[in-house]
Amino acid sequence: MKTKLIAIGNSKGVRIPAAMIREAGLEYELDLRVEQDGLKIRPARHLREGWDDAFAAAAGESADALLIDDTLANDFDEQAWQW
């Protein structure tokens, strides 16, 4: 589809047909990137999007286990520290 840039104040804009907006899943916030031969417009991703699913998957795999078991007594606790 060909279209033209339109003036919007001191900037330029592009009219995107509603059907294309729905098909692309575009909403209020967009992510614009300059690529090799043009612009890429995508729905903006929200910070921490998908984290809930990732945490749930990690919990099921015991991926949240401690890397260093700091619950064990060490020399400092046993000798140097005064309780």
PDB file of N, CA and C in Angstrom:
ATOM      1  N   MET A   1       0.843  -1.168   0.000  1.00  0.00           N
ATOM      2  CA  MET A   1       0.000   0.000   0.000  1.00  0.00           C
ATOM      3  C   MET A   1       0.892   1.236   0.000  1.00  0.00           C
ATOM      4  N   LYS A   2       0.586   2.171  -0.826  1.00  0.00           N
ATOM      5  CA  LYS A   2       1.314   3.438  -0.860  1.00  0.00           C
ATOM      6  C   LYS A   2       0.492   4.497  -0.151  1.00  0.00           C
ATOM      7  N   THR A   3       1.194   5.396   0.533  1.00  0.00           N
ATOM      8  CA  THR A   3       0.548   6.514   1.209  1.00  0.00           C
ATOM      9  C   THR A   3       1.502   7.702   1.176  1.00  0.00           C
ATOM     10  N   LYS A   4       1.083   8.819   1.667  1.00  0.00           N
ATOM     11  CA  LYS A   4       1.922  10.020   1.678  1.00  0.00           C
ATOM     12  C   LYS A   4       2.085  10.529   3.103  1.00  0.00           C
ATOM     13  N   LEU A   5       3.190  11.217   3.331  1.00  0.00           N
ATOM     14  CA  LEU A   5       3.394  11.894   4.609  1.00  0.00           C
ATOM     15  C   LEU A   5       2.465  13.098   4.653  1.00  0.00           C
ATOM     16  N   ILE A   6       1.910  13.349   5.833  1.00  0.00           N
ATOM     17  CA  ILE A   6       1.044  14.510   6.013  1.00  0.00           C
ATOM     18  C   ILE A   6       1.641  15.401   7.092  1.00  0.00           C
ATOM     19  N   ALA A   7       1.386  16.670   7.004  1.00  0.00           N
ATOM     20  CA  ALA A   7       1.889  17.615   8.002  1.00  0.00           C
ATOM     21  C   ALA A   7       1.069  17.506   9.281  1.00  0.00           C
ATOM     22  N   ILE A   8       1.778  17.427  10.413  1.00  0.00           N
ATOM     23  CA  ILE A   8       1.151  17.431  11.735  1.00  0.00           C
ATOM     24  C   ILE A   8       1.975  18.407  12.563  1.00  0.00           C
ATOM     25  N   GLY A   9       1.569  19.663  12.588  1.00  0.00           N
ATOM     26  CA  GLY A   9       2.354  20.694  13.262  1.00  0.00           C
ATOM     27  C   GLY A   9       3.693  20.830  12.573  1.00  0.00           C
ATOM     28  N   ASN A  10       4.792  20.752  13.343  1.00  0.00           N
ATOM     29  CA  ASN A  10       6.137  20.838  12.771  1.00  0.00           C
ATOM     30  C   ASN A  10       6.670  19.464  12.368  1.00  0.00           C
ATOM     31  N   SER A  11       5.862  18.422  12.531  1.00  0.00           N
ATOM     32  CA  SER A  11       6.285  17.059  12.218  1.00  0.00           C
ATOM     33  C   SER A  11       5.540  16.547  10.997  1.00  0.00           C
ATOM     34  N   LYS A  12       5.770  15.299  10.706  1.00  0.00           N
ATOM     35  CA  LYS A  12       5.074  14.609   9.620  1.00  0.00           C
ATOM     36  C   LYS A  12       4.462  13.349  10.190  1.00  0.00           C
ATOM     37  N   GLY A  13       3.389  12.885   9.558  1.00  0.00           N
ATOM     38  CA  GLY A  13       2.728  11.677  10.011  1.00  0.00           C
ATOM     39  C   GLY A  13       2.288  10.836   8.840  1.00  0.00           C
ATOM     40  N   VAL A  14       1.833   9.647   9.136  1.00  0.00           N
ATOM     41  CA  VAL A  14       1.338   8.706   8.145  1.00  0.00           C
ATOM     42  C   VAL A  14      -0.022   8.228   8.615  1.00  0.00           C
ATOM     43  N   ARG A  15      -0.987   8.219   7.721  1.00  0.00           N
ATOM     44  CA  ARG A  15      -2.299   7.646   8.046  1.00  0.00           C
ATOM     45  C   ARG A  15      -2.237   6.149   7.817  1.00  0.00           C
ATOM     46  N   ILE A  16      -2.629   5.410   8.830  1.00  0.00           N
ATOM     47  CA  ILE A  16      -2.634   3.944   8.737  1.00  0.00           C
ATOM     48  C   ILE A  16      -4.088   3.493   8.794  1.00  0.00           C
ATOM     49  N   PRO A  17      -4.541   2.734   7.817  1.00  0.00           N
ATOM     50  CA  PRO A  17      -5.930   2.267   7.834  1.00  0.00           C
ATOM     51  C   PRO A  17      -6.227   1.424   9.082  1.00  0.00           C
ATOM     52  N   ALA A  18      -7.456   1.548   9.590  1.00  0.00           N
ATOM     53  CA  ALA A  18      -7.866   0.847  10.804  1.00  0.00           C
ATOM     54  C   ALA A  18      -7.680  -0.662  10.683  1.00  0.00           C
ATOM     55  N   ALA A  19      -7.950  -1.225   9.521  1.00  0.00           N
ATOM     56  CA  ALA A  19      -7.790  -2.672   9.338  1.00  0.00           C
ATOM     57  C   ALA A  19      -6.336  -3.100   9.542  1.00  0.00           C
ATOM     58  N   MET A  20      -5.408  -2.296   9.063  1.00  0.00           N
ATOM     59  CA  MET A  20      -3.979  -2.619   9.245  1.00  0.00           C
ATOM     60  C   MET A  20      -3.574  -2.485  10.708  1.00  0.00           C
ATOM     61  N   ILE A  21      -4.115  -1.492  11.381  1.00  0.00           N
ATOM     62  CA  ILE A  21      -3.815  -1.304  12.804  1.00  0.00           C
ATOM     63  C   ILE A  21      -4.284  -2.523  13.601  1.00  0.00           C
ATOM     64  N   ARG A  22      -5.491  -2.977  13.328  1.00  0.00           N
ATOM     65  CA  ARG A  22      -6.008  -4.173  14.030  1.00  0.00           C
ATOM     66  C   ARG A  22      -5.175  -5.405  13.707  1.00  0.00           C
ATOM     67  N   GLU A  23      -4.873  -5.609  12.432  1.00  0.00           N
ATOM     68  CA  GLU A  23      -4.121  -6.793  12.014  1.00  0.00           C
ATOM     69  C   GLU A  23      -2.723  -6.828  12.632  1.00  0.00           C
ATOM     70  N   ALA A  24      -2.098  -5.658  12.768  1.00  0.00           N
ATOM     71  CA  ALA A  24      -0.752  -5.581  13.345  1.00  0.00           C
ATOM     72  C   ALA A  24      -0.767  -5.571  14.867  1.00  0.00           C
ATOM     73  N   GLY A  25      -1.946  -5.457  15.491  1.00  0.00           N
ATOM     74  CA  GLY A  25      -2.033  -5.434  16.954  1.00  0.00           C
ATOM     75  C   GLY A  25      -1.512  -4.143  17.550  1.00  0.00           C
ATOM     76  N   LEU A  26      -1.594  -3.050  16.797  1.00  0.00           N
ATOM     77  CA  LEU A  26      -1.107  -1.770  17.298  1.00  0.00           C
ATOM     78  C   LEU A  26      -2.111  -1.171  18.267  1.00  0.00           C
ATOM     79  N   GLU A  27      -1.590  -0.530  19.301  1.00  0.00           N
ATOM     80  CA  GLU A  27      -2.433   0.140  20.279  1.00  0.00           C
ATOM     81  C   GLU A  27      -1.937   1.567  20.443  1.00  0.00           C
ATOM     82  N   TYR A  28      -2.108   2.130  21.612  1.00  0.00           N
ATOM     83  CA  TYR A  28      -1.755   3.529  21.843  1.00  0.00           C
ATOM     84  C   TYR A  28      -0.248   3.761  21.761  1.00  0.00           C
ATOM     85  N   GLU A  29       0.544   2.914  22.417  1.00  0.00           N
ATOM     86  CA  GLU A  29       1.997   3.075  22.423  1.00  0.00           C
ATOM     87  C   GLU A  29       2.621   2.223  21.334  1.00  0.00           C
ATOM     88  N   LEU A  30       3.574   2.818  20.621  1.00  0.00           N
ATOM     89  CA  LEU A  30       4.254   2.123  19.534  1.00  0.00           C
ATOM     90  C   LEU A  30       5.753   2.171  19.736  1.00  0.00           C
ATOM     91  N   ASP A  31       6.436   1.214  19.145  1.00  0.00           N
ATOM     92  CA  ASP A  31       7.887   1.182  19.127  1.00  0.00           C
ATOM     93  C   ASP A  31       8.310   1.456  17.689  1.00  0.00           C
ATOM     94  N   LEU A  32       9.049   2.549  17.453  1.00  0.00           N
ATOM     95  CA  LEU A  32       9.531   2.904  16.123  1.00  0.00           C
ATOM     96  C   LEU A  32      11.027   2.655  16.056  1.00  0.00           C
ATOM     97  N   ARG A  33      11.477   2.016  14.983  1.00  0.00           N
ATOM     98  CA  ARG A  33      12.899   1.765  14.792  1.00  0.00           C
ATOM     99  C   ARG A  33      13.268   2.056  13.344  1.00  0.00           C
ATOM    100  N   VAL A  34      14.412   2.677  13.170  1.00  0.00           N
ATOM    101  CA  VAL A  34      14.941   2.877  11.829  1.00  0.00           C
ATOM    102  C   VAL A  34      15.688   1.615  11.462  1.00  0.00           C
ATOM    103  N   GLU A  35      15.328   1.008  10.357  1.00  0.00           N
ATOM    104  CA  GLU A  35      16.006  -0.186   9.873  1.00  0.00           C
ATOM    105  C   GLU A  35      16.685   0.135   8.550  1.00  0.00           C
ATOM    106  N   GLN A  36      17.301  -0.835   7.936  1.00  0.00           N
ATOM    107  CA  GLN A  36      18.131  -0.619   6.752  1.00  0.00           C
ATOM    108  C   GLN A  36      17.480   0.280   5.705  1.00  0.00           C
ATOM    109  N   ASP A  37      16.260  -0.001   5.336  1.00  0.00           N
ATOM    110  CA  ASP A  37      15.668   0.766   4.248  1.00  0.00           C
ATOM    111  C   ASP A  37      14.350   1.418   4.639  1.00  0.00           C
ATOM    112  N   GLY A  38      14.127   1.681   5.917  1.00  0.00           N
ATOM    113  CA  GLY A  38      12.896   2.345   6.304  1.00  0.00           C
ATOM    114  C   GLY A  38      12.646   2.317   7.797  1.00  0.00           C
ATOM    115  N   LEU A  39      11.394   2.474   8.166  1.00  0.00           N
ATOM    116  CA  LEU A  39      10.958   2.447   9.564  1.00  0.00           C
ATOM    117  C   LEU A  39      10.225   1.160   9.858  1.00  0.00           C
ATOM    118  N   LYS A  40      10.361   0.687  11.070  1.00  0.00           N
ATOM    119  CA  LYS A  40       9.600  -0.472  11.522  1.00  0.00           C
ATOM    120  C   LYS A  40       8.720   0.005  12.670  1.00  0.00           C
ATOM    121  N   ILE A  41       7.422  -0.253  12.576  1.00  0.00           N
ATOM    122  CA  ILE A  41       6.455   0.140  13.605  1.00  0.00           C
ATOM    123  C   ILE A  41       5.910  -1.129  14.226  1.00  0.00           C
ATOM    124  N   ARG A  42       6.031  -1.239  15.555  1.00  0.00           N
ATOM    125  CA  ARG A  42       5.529  -2.416  16.268  1.00  0.00           C
ATOM    126  C   ARG A  42       4.792  -1.967  17.513  1.00  0.00           C
ATOM    127  N   PRO A  43       3.961  -2.847  18.063  1.00  0.00           N
ATOM    128  CA  PRO A  43       3.358  -2.520  19.363  1.00  0.00           C
ATOM    129  C   PRO A  43       4.469  -2.392  20.397  1.00  0.00           C
ATOM    130  N   ALA A  44       4.350  -1.415  21.280  1.00  0.00           N
ATOM    131  CA  ALA A  44       5.350  -1.236  22.331  1.00  0.00           C
ATOM    132  C   ALA A  44       5.217  -2.367  23.337  1.00  0.00           C
ATOM    133  N   ARG A  45       6.345  -2.890  23.739  1.00  0.00           N
ATOM    134  CA  ARG A  45       6.344  -3.909  24.791  1.00  0.00           C
ATOM    135  C   ARG A  45       6.389  -3.204  26.131  1.00  0.00           C
ATOM    136  N   HIS A  46       5.695  -3.747  27.086  1.00  0.00           N
ATOM    137  CA  HIS A  46       5.688  -3.160  28.414  1.00  0.00           C
ATOM    138  C   HIS A  46       6.832  -3.750  29.225  1.00  0.00           C
ATOM    139  N   LEU A  47       7.428  -2.910  30.056  1.00  0.00           N
ATOM    140  CA  LEU A  47       8.469  -3.404  30.936  1.00  0.00           C
ATOM    141  C   LEU A  47       7.953  -4.597  31.720  1.00  0.00           C
ATOM    142  N   ARG A  48       8.771  -5.571  31.853  1.00  0.00           N
ATOM    143  CA  ARG A  48       8.462  -6.785  32.618  1.00  0.00           C
ATOM    144  C   ARG A  48       7.351  -7.624  31.990  1.00  0.00           C
ATOM    145  N   GLU A  49       7.064  -7.387  30.716  1.00  0.00           N
ATOM    146  CA  GLU A  49       6.052  -8.187  30.032  1.00  0.00           C
ATOM    147  C   GLU A  49       6.535  -9.634  29.964  1.00  0.00           C
ATOM    148  N   GLY A  50       5.707 -10.555  30.388  1.00  0.00           N
ATOM    149  CA  GLY A  50       6.054 -11.964  30.343  1.00  0.00           C
ATOM    150  C   GLY A  50       6.827 -12.466  31.549  1.00  0.00           C
ATOM    151  N   TRP A  51       7.147 -11.574  32.481  1.00  0.00           N
ATOM    152  CA  TRP A  51       7.913 -12.006  33.652  1.00  0.00           C
ATOM    153  C   TRP A  51       7.142 -13.003  34.501  1.00  0.00           C
ATOM    154  N   ASP A  52       5.836 -12.810  34.654  1.00  0.00           N
ATOM    155  CA  ASP A  52       5.045 -13.741  35.477  1.00  0.00           C
ATOM    156  C   ASP A  52       5.171 -15.162  34.952  1.00  0.00           C
ATOM    157  N   ASP A  53       5.062 -15.328  33.642  1.00  0.00           N
ATOM    158  CA  ASP A  53       5.179 -16.661  33.046  1.00  0.00           C
ATOM    159  C   ASP A  53       6.587 -17.220  33.231  1.00  0.00           C
ATOM    160  N   ALA A  54       7.596 -16.372  33.070  1.00  0.00           N
ATOM    161  CA  ALA A  54       8.981 -16.825  33.230  1.00  0.00           C
ATOM    162  C   ALA A  54       9.254 -17.255  34.674  1.00  0.00           C
ATOM    163  N   PHE A  55       8.740 -16.488  35.645  1.00  0.00           N
ATOM    164  CA  PHE A  55       8.936 -16.857  37.047  1.00  0.00           C
ATOM    165  C   PHE A  55       8.217 -18.160  37.379  1.00  0.00           C
ATOM    166  N   ALA A  56       7.017 -18.326  36.851  1.00  0.00           N
ATOM    167  CA  ALA A  56       6.263 -19.561  37.105  1.00  0.00           C
ATOM    168  C   ALA A  56       7.006 -20.758  36.519  1.00  0.00           C
ATOM    169  N   ALA A  57       7.551 -20.613  35.322  1.00  0.00           N
ATOM    170  CA  ALA A  57       8.303 -21.702  34.702  1.00  0.00           C
ATOM    171  C   ALA A  57       9.571 -22.004  35.489  1.00  0.00           C
ATOM    172  N   ALA A  58      10.259 -20.967  35.967  1.00  0.00           N
ATOM    173  CA  ALA A  58      11.491 -21.158  36.730  1.00  0.00           C
ATOM    174  C   ALA A  58      11.203 -21.863  38.049  1.00  0.00           C
ATOM    175  N   ALA A  59      10.096 -21.527  38.688  1.00  0.00           N
ATOM    176  CA  ALA A  59       9.752 -22.162  39.964  1.00  0.00           C
ATOM    177  C   ALA A  59       9.486 -23.645  39.771  1.00  0.00           C
ATOM    178  N   GLY A  60       8.906 -24.002  38.647  1.00  0.00           N
ATOM    179  CA  GLY A  60       8.626 -25.407  38.360  1.00  0.00           C
ATOM    180  C   GLY A  60       9.876 -26.205  38.070  1.00  0.00           C
ATOM    181  N   GLU A  61      10.945 -25.541  37.649  1.00  0.00           N
ATOM    182  CA  GLU A  61      12.194 -26.220  37.302  1.00  0.00           C
ATOM    183  C   GLU A  61      13.239 -26.110  38.411  1.00  0.00           C
ATOM    184  N   SER A  62      12.888 -25.551  39.534  1.00  0.00           N
ATOM    185  CA  SER A  62      13.822 -25.286  40.627  1.00  0.00           C
ATOM    186  C   SER A  62      14.974 -24.400  40.162  1.00  0.00           C
ATOM    187  N   ALA A  63      14.708 -23.548  39.188  1.00  0.00           N
ATOM    188  CA  ALA A  63      15.743 -22.644  38.683  1.00  0.00           C
ATOM    189  C   ALA A  63      15.985 -21.485  39.631  1.00  0.00           C
ATOM    190  N   ASP A  64      15.173 -21.386  40.676  1.00  0.00           N
ATOM    191  CA  ASP A  64      15.353 -20.290  41.616  1.00  0.00           C
ATOM    192  C   ASP A  64      16.137 -20.734  42.853  1.00  0.00           C
ATOM    193  N   ALA A  65      16.827 -21.867  42.757  1.00  0.00           N
ATOM    194  CA  ALA A  65      17.630 -22.352  43.870  1.00  0.00           C
ATOM    195  C   ALA A  65      18.814 -21.407  44.097  1.00  0.00           C
ATOM    196  N   LEU A  66      19.262 -21.323  45.343  1.00  0.00           N
ATOM    197  CA  LEU A  66      20.393 -20.460  45.668  1.00  0.00           C
ATOM    198  C   LEU A  66      21.653 -20.942  44.957  1.00  0.00           C
ATOM    199  N   LEU A  67      22.424 -20.027  44.434  1.00  0.00           N
ATOM    200  CA  LEU A  67      23.687 -20.392  43.813  1.00  0.00           C
ATOM    201  C   LEU A  67      24.740 -20.678  44.869  1.00  0.00           C
ATOM    202  N   ILE A  68      24.689 -19.942  45.971  1.00  0.00           N
ATOM    203  CA  ILE A  68      25.596 -20.163  47.095  1.00  0.00           C
ATOM    204  C   ILE A  68      24.724 -20.358  48.326  1.00  0.00           C
ATOM    205  N   ASP A  69      24.894 -21.470  48.973  1.00  0.00           N
ATOM    206  CA  ASP A  69      24.090 -21.749  50.159  1.00  0.00           C
ATOM    207  C   ASP A  69      24.667 -20.975  51.337  1.00  0.00           C
ATOM    208  N   ASP A  70      24.105 -19.803  51.606  1.00  0.00           N
ATOM    209  CA  ASP A  70      24.618 -18.970  52.683  1.00  0.00           C
ATOM    210  C   ASP A  70      23.960 -19.286  54.024  1.00  0.00           C
ATOM    211  N   THR A  71      23.204 -20.362  54.082  1.00  0.00           N
ATOM    212  CA  THR A  71      22.570 -20.743  55.347  1.00  0.00           C
ATOM    213  C   THR A  71      23.503 -21.601  56.196  1.00  0.00           C
ATOM    214  N   LEU A  72      24.579 -22.080  55.602  1.00  0.00           N
ATOM    215  CA  LEU A  72      25.527 -22.896  56.359  1.00  0.00           C
ATOM    216  C   LEU A  72      26.426 -22.001  57.203  1.00  0.00           C
ATOM    217  N   ALA A  73      26.812 -22.493  58.347  1.00  0.00           N
ATOM    218  CA  ALA A  73      27.736 -21.749  59.204  1.00  0.00           C
ATOM    219  C   ALA A  73      29.091 -21.660  58.515  1.00  0.00           C
ATOM    220  N   ASN A  74      29.788 -20.560  58.746  1.00  0.00           N
ATOM    221  CA  ASN A  74      31.121 -20.406  58.175  1.00  0.00           C
ATOM    222  C   ASN A  74      32.094 -20.030  59.284  1.00  0.00           C
ATOM    223  N   ASP A  75      33.377 -19.908  58.942  1.00  0.00           N
ATOM    224  CA  ASP A  75      34.405 -19.601  59.937  1.00  0.00           C
ATOM    225  C   ASP A  75      34.131 -18.290  60.659  1.00  0.00           C
ATOM    226  N   PHE A  76      33.701 -17.278  59.935  1.00  0.00           N
ATOM    227  CA  PHE A  76      33.422 -15.991  60.559  1.00  0.00           C
ATOM    228  C   PHE A  76      32.335 -16.142  61.614  1.00  0.00           C
ATOM    229  N   ASP A  77      31.274 -16.844  61.274  1.00  0.00           N
ATOM    230  CA  ASP A  77      30.169 -17.032  62.224  1.00  0.00           C
ATOM    231  C   ASP A  77      30.629 -17.823  63.437  1.00  0.00           C
ATOM    232  N   GLU A  78      31.448 -18.793  63.210  1.00  0.00           N
ATOM    233  CA  GLU A  78      31.841 -19.692  64.305  1.00  0.00           C
ATOM    234  C   GLU A  78      32.930 -19.093  65.204  1.00  0.00           C
ATOM    235  N   GLN A  79      33.844 -18.291  64.661  1.00  0.00           N
ATOM    236  CA  GLN A  79      34.990 -17.852  65.440  1.00  0.00           C
ATOM    237  C   GLN A  79      35.037 -16.348  65.697  1.00  0.00           C
ATOM    238  N   ALA A  80      34.843 -15.545  64.687  1.00  0.00           N
ATOM    239  CA  ALA A  80      35.094 -14.106  64.811  1.00  0.00           C
ATOM    240  C   ALA A  80      33.899 -13.336  65.352  1.00  0.00           C
ATOM    241  N   TRP A  81      32.731 -13.788  65.085  1.00  0.00           N
ATOM    242  CA  TRP A  81      31.537 -13.025  65.462  1.00  0.00           C
ATOM    243  C   TRP A  81      31.214 -13.258  66.928  1.00  0.00           C
ATOM    244  N   GLN A  82      30.902 -12.181  67.627  1.00  0.00           N
ATOM    245  CA  GLN A  82      30.511 -12.296  69.039  1.00  0.00           C
ATOM    246  C   GLN A  82      28.990 -12.194  69.130  1.00  0.00           C
ATOM    247  N   TRP A  83      28.375 -13.234  69.571  1.00  0.00           N
ATOM    248  CA  TRP A  83      26.905 -13.242  69.714  1.00  0.00           C
ATOM    249  C   TRP A  83      26.541 -12.755  71.081  1.00  0.00           C
TER     250      TRP A  83
END
